[in-house]
N, C-alpha and C. Protein backbone atom coordinates (compact mmCIF):
# COMPACT_ATOMS: atom_id res chain seq x y z
N MET A 1 -7.64 -3.67 -16.69
CA MET A 1 -6.85 -4.50 -15.91
C MET A 1 -7.07 -3.34 -14.33
N LYS A 2 -7.08 -4.62 -13.62
CA LYS A 2 -7.33 -3.74 -12.21
C LYS A 2 -5.97 -4.40 -11.14
N PHE A 3 -5.54 -3.43 -10.47
CA PHE A 3 -4.66 -3.81 -9.59
C PHE A 3 -4.78 -3.20 -8.21
N TYR A 4 -3.95 -3.54 -7.25
CA TYR A 4 -4.44 -2.84 -6.04
C TYR A 4 -2.85 -2.66 -5.35
N LYS A 5 -3.06 -2.09 -4.41
CA LYS A 5 -2.08 -0.75 -3.55
C LYS A 5 -2.13 -1.13 -2.35
N ALA A 6 -1.78 -1.45 -1.24
CA ALA A 6 -1.76 -1.33 0.00
C ALA A 6 -0.64 -0.68 0.32
N PHE A 7 -1.17 0.51 1.39
CA PHE A 7 -0.17 0.92 1.70
C PHE A 7 0.20 2.08 3.55
N LEU A 8 1.77 2.06 3.97
CA LEU A 8 1.20 2.73 4.87
C LEU A 8 1.56 3.74 5.02
N GLU A 9 1.98 5.18 5.80
CA GLU A 9 2.15 5.85 6.29
C GLU A 9 2.05 5.75 7.70
N THR A 10 3.88 6.78 7.97
CA THR A 10 4.07 6.58 9.56
C THR A 10 4.64 8.11 9.09
N ILE A 11 4.88 8.18 10.67
CA ILE A 11 5.81 9.42 10.84
C ILE A 11 7.09 9.34 9.68
N ASN A 12 8.06 8.32 9.83
CA ASN A 12 9.49 8.66 8.94
C ASN A 12 9.30 8.67 7.63
N PHE A 13 8.37 7.07 7.21
CA PHE A 13 8.23 6.76 5.82
C PHE A 13 6.66 6.71 5.48
N THR A 14 6.65 6.33 4.52
CA THR A 14 4.83 5.77 3.25
C THR A 14 5.95 4.78 2.38
N PHE A 15 5.09 4.10 3.36
CA PHE A 15 5.40 1.98 1.97
C PHE A 15 4.27 1.60 1.22
N ALA A 16 4.17 1.38 0.22
CA ALA A 16 3.51 0.87 -0.74
C ALA A 16 3.98 -0.47 -0.94
N ALA A 17 3.32 -1.33 -1.84
CA ALA A 17 2.99 -2.26 -2.57
C ALA A 17 1.81 -2.39 -3.42
N TYR A 18 2.09 -3.22 -4.94
CA TYR A 18 1.44 -3.39 -5.23
C TYR A 18 1.17 -4.30 -6.48
N GLU A 19 -0.04 -5.19 -6.11
CA GLU A 19 -0.19 -6.44 -6.90
C GLU A 19 -1.24 -6.75 -7.26
N MET A 20 -1.94 -7.92 -8.06
CA MET A 20 -2.81 -8.19 -9.49
C MET A 20 -4.25 -8.66 -7.68
N THR A 21 -4.18 -8.75 -6.54
CA THR A 21 -5.12 -8.94 -5.43
C THR A 21 -5.06 -8.27 -4.30
N GLU A 22 -6.39 -8.02 -3.96
CA GLU A 22 -5.60 -7.62 -2.10
C GLU A 22 -4.90 -8.21 -1.38
N ASP A 23 -5.24 -9.50 -1.79
CA ASP A 23 -4.44 -10.49 -0.13
C ASP A 23 -2.85 -10.06 -0.81
N LEU A 24 -2.87 -10.56 -1.92
CA LEU A 24 -1.44 -10.96 -2.41
C LEU A 24 -0.60 -9.06 -1.99
N ALA A 25 -1.49 -7.93 -2.07
CA ALA A 25 -0.92 -6.38 -2.18
C ALA A 25 0.07 -6.70 -0.71
N MET A 26 -1.32 -7.41 0.02
CA MET A 26 -1.15 -6.95 1.72
C MET A 26 0.09 -7.74 2.20
N LYS A 27 0.18 -9.09 1.41
CA LYS A 27 1.50 -10.12 1.90
C LYS A 27 2.86 -9.26 1.32
N ALA A 28 2.80 -8.53 0.29
CA ALA A 28 4.40 -7.76 -0.60
C ALA A 28 4.70 -6.30 0.47
N LEU A 29 3.07 -6.09 0.74
CA LEU A 29 3.43 -4.59 1.63
C LEU A 29 4.76 -5.27 3.37
N ILE A 30 3.79 -6.11 4.61
CA ILE A 30 4.34 -6.97 4.85
C ILE A 30 5.33 -7.38 4.95
N LYS A 31 6.21 -8.12 3.90
CA LYS A 31 7.20 -8.56 3.39
C LYS A 31 8.24 -7.29 3.35
N GLY A 32 7.39 -6.04 2.82
CA GLY A 32 8.52 -4.98 2.66
C GLY A 32 8.85 -4.29 4.20
N LEU A 33 8.11 -4.79 4.76
CA LEU A 33 7.99 -4.31 6.26
C LEU A 33 8.42 -4.93 7.20
N GLU A 34 8.88 -6.99 6.65
CA GLU A 34 10.05 -6.62 7.06
C GLU A 34 11.20 -7.34 7.22
N ASP A 35 11.90 -6.35 5.51
CA ASP A 35 12.72 -6.62 5.04
C ASP A 35 13.35 -4.55 4.97
N HIS A 36 11.82 -3.53 6.16
CA HIS A 36 12.71 -2.80 6.35
C HIS A 36 13.34 -3.06 8.09
N GLY A 37 12.81 -3.32 8.42
CA GLY A 37 12.95 -3.70 10.06
C GLY A 37 14.09 -4.16 10.04
N LYS A 38 14.18 -5.76 9.19
CA LYS A 38 15.77 -5.16 8.36
C LYS A 38 17.18 -5.11 8.91
N GLN A 39 17.03 -3.87 7.49
CA GLN A 39 17.81 -3.05 7.58
C GLN A 39 17.94 -2.21 8.28
N TYR A 40 16.90 -0.83 8.91
CA TYR A 40 16.83 -1.18 10.16
C TYR A 40 17.65 -1.44 11.87
N GLY A 41 17.62 -2.74 11.94
CA GLY A 41 17.60 -3.01 12.79
C GLY A 41 16.66 -3.53 14.05
N LEU A 42 15.69 -3.90 13.23
CA LEU A 42 14.48 -3.01 14.14
C LEU A 42 14.45 -4.93 14.53
N GLU A 43 13.53 -4.46 15.55
CA GLU A 43 12.93 -5.97 15.85
C GLU A 43 11.35 -6.46 14.82
N THR A 44 11.11 -7.64 14.53
CA THR A 44 10.98 -8.18 13.71
C THR A 44 9.70 -8.28 13.50
N ASP A 45 8.63 -7.56 14.37
CA ASP A 45 7.59 -7.46 14.11
C ASP A 45 6.83 -5.71 14.79
N TRP A 46 8.08 -4.89 14.47
CA TRP A 46 8.32 -3.64 14.24
C TRP A 46 6.60 -3.06 14.28
N PHE A 47 6.24 -3.28 12.80
CA PHE A 47 4.71 -2.75 12.86
C PHE A 47 3.54 -3.39 13.37
N LYS A 48 3.82 -4.00 14.11
CA LYS A 48 2.94 -4.52 14.34
C LYS A 48 1.57 -3.87 14.65
N ASP A 49 2.07 -2.91 15.28
CA ASP A 49 0.89 -2.16 16.03
C ASP A 49 0.20 -0.98 14.64
N TYR A 50 0.42 -0.89 13.62
CA TYR A 50 0.38 0.16 13.10
C TYR A 50 -0.85 -1.00 11.52
N VAL A 51 -0.75 -2.32 12.18
CA VAL A 51 -1.18 -3.07 10.70
C VAL A 51 -2.86 -2.68 11.15
N THR A 52 -3.52 -2.25 11.72
CA THR A 52 -5.01 -1.11 11.58
C THR A 52 -5.07 0.20 10.28
N ASP A 53 -2.93 0.13 10.56
CA ASP A 53 -3.22 2.27 9.69
C ASP A 53 -3.30 1.39 7.66
N ILE A 54 -3.02 -0.06 7.77
CA ILE A 54 -2.90 -0.52 6.43
C ILE A 54 -3.83 0.10 5.39
N TYR A 55 -4.29 0.25 4.41
CA TYR A 55 -4.93 0.54 3.52
C TYR A 55 -5.13 0.31 2.29
N ILE A 56 -5.91 -0.46 1.62
CA ILE A 56 -5.58 -1.60 0.20
C ILE A 56 -6.49 -0.53 0.01
N ASP A 57 -6.21 0.08 -1.66
CA ASP A 57 -7.11 0.86 -2.30
C ASP A 57 -6.59 -0.45 -3.55
N GLY A 58 -7.80 -0.20 -4.77
CA GLY A 58 -7.81 -1.06 -6.21
C GLY A 58 -7.89 -0.11 -7.31
N GLN A 59 -7.01 -0.10 -8.02
CA GLN A 59 -6.50 1.22 -8.77
C GLN A 59 -7.43 0.21 -10.56
N GLU A 60 -7.29 0.75 -11.45
CA GLU A 60 -7.14 0.41 -13.05
C GLU A 60 -6.11 1.29 -13.87
N MET A 61 -5.01 0.44 -14.39
CA MET A 61 -4.48 0.90 -15.60
C MET A 61 -4.88 1.21 -16.09
N GLY A 62 -4.00 1.93 -16.93
CA GLY A 62 -4.71 3.39 -17.39
C GLY A 62 -5.39 4.33 -17.09
N LYS A 63 -5.63 4.76 -16.41
CA LYS A 63 -7.04 5.54 -15.42
C LYS A 63 -5.24 7.03 -14.95
N ALA A 64 -6.60 8.25 -15.01
CA ALA A 64 -5.86 8.72 -13.51
C ALA A 64 -6.06 9.13 -12.06
N TYR A 65 -5.39 8.91 -11.45
CA TYR A 65 -7.02 8.87 -10.13
C TYR A 65 -5.67 10.53 -9.01
N ARG A 66 -6.68 11.08 -8.37
CA ARG A 66 -6.11 12.31 -7.52
C ARG A 66 -7.17 11.86 -6.53
N ASP A 67 -5.69 11.92 -5.84
CA ASP A 67 -6.10 11.68 -3.81
C ASP A 67 -7.19 10.57 -3.55
N ASN A 68 -6.37 9.54 -4.38
CA ASN A 68 -6.52 8.34 -4.56
C ASN A 68 -8.26 7.52 -5.24
N GLU A 69 -8.56 9.02 -5.81
CA GLU A 69 -10.46 8.88 -6.67
C GLU A 69 -9.86 8.76 -7.95
N GLU A 70 -10.80 7.62 -9.44
CA GLU A 70 -10.29 8.63 -10.10
C GLU A 70 -10.80 9.48 -10.73
N ILE A 71 -10.36 10.44 -11.99
CA ILE A 71 -10.22 11.93 -12.26
C ILE A 71 -11.47 11.57 -13.51
N ARG A 72 -12.53 12.02 -13.05
CA ARG A 72 -13.78 11.55 -13.89
C ARG A 72 -14.64 13.52 -15.52
N GLY A 73 -14.50 12.68 -16.69
CA GLY A 73 -15.24 14.40 -16.92
C GLY A 73 -16.20 14.81 -16.40
N ALA A 74 -16.48 15.72 -16.78
CA ALA A 74 -17.60 16.72 -16.17
C ALA A 74 -18.50 15.28 -16.48
N ASP A 75 -19.11 15.46 -17.56
CA ASP A 75 -20.53 14.94 -18.20
C ASP A 75 -20.82 12.53 -16.92
N GLU A 76 -19.47 12.89 -16.56
CA GLU A 76 -19.86 11.26 -16.03
C GLU A 76 -20.17 11.69 -14.06
């Protein structure tokens, strides 16, 4: 089963959201960034300059990853 991780690294925090599609992962991350802004008293769109730095990575359940790449056996 595949899932997607949308993530953003800033100077102060690393943000991530996980969902079943890329679109839903992005929406979940944006919602989280909005909620973070509310918690810290920031402008609603405080993250607008970071949107181009958001990455989405697809991964499979039950597999191991190193630096966001699947770890494969020596014969693969």
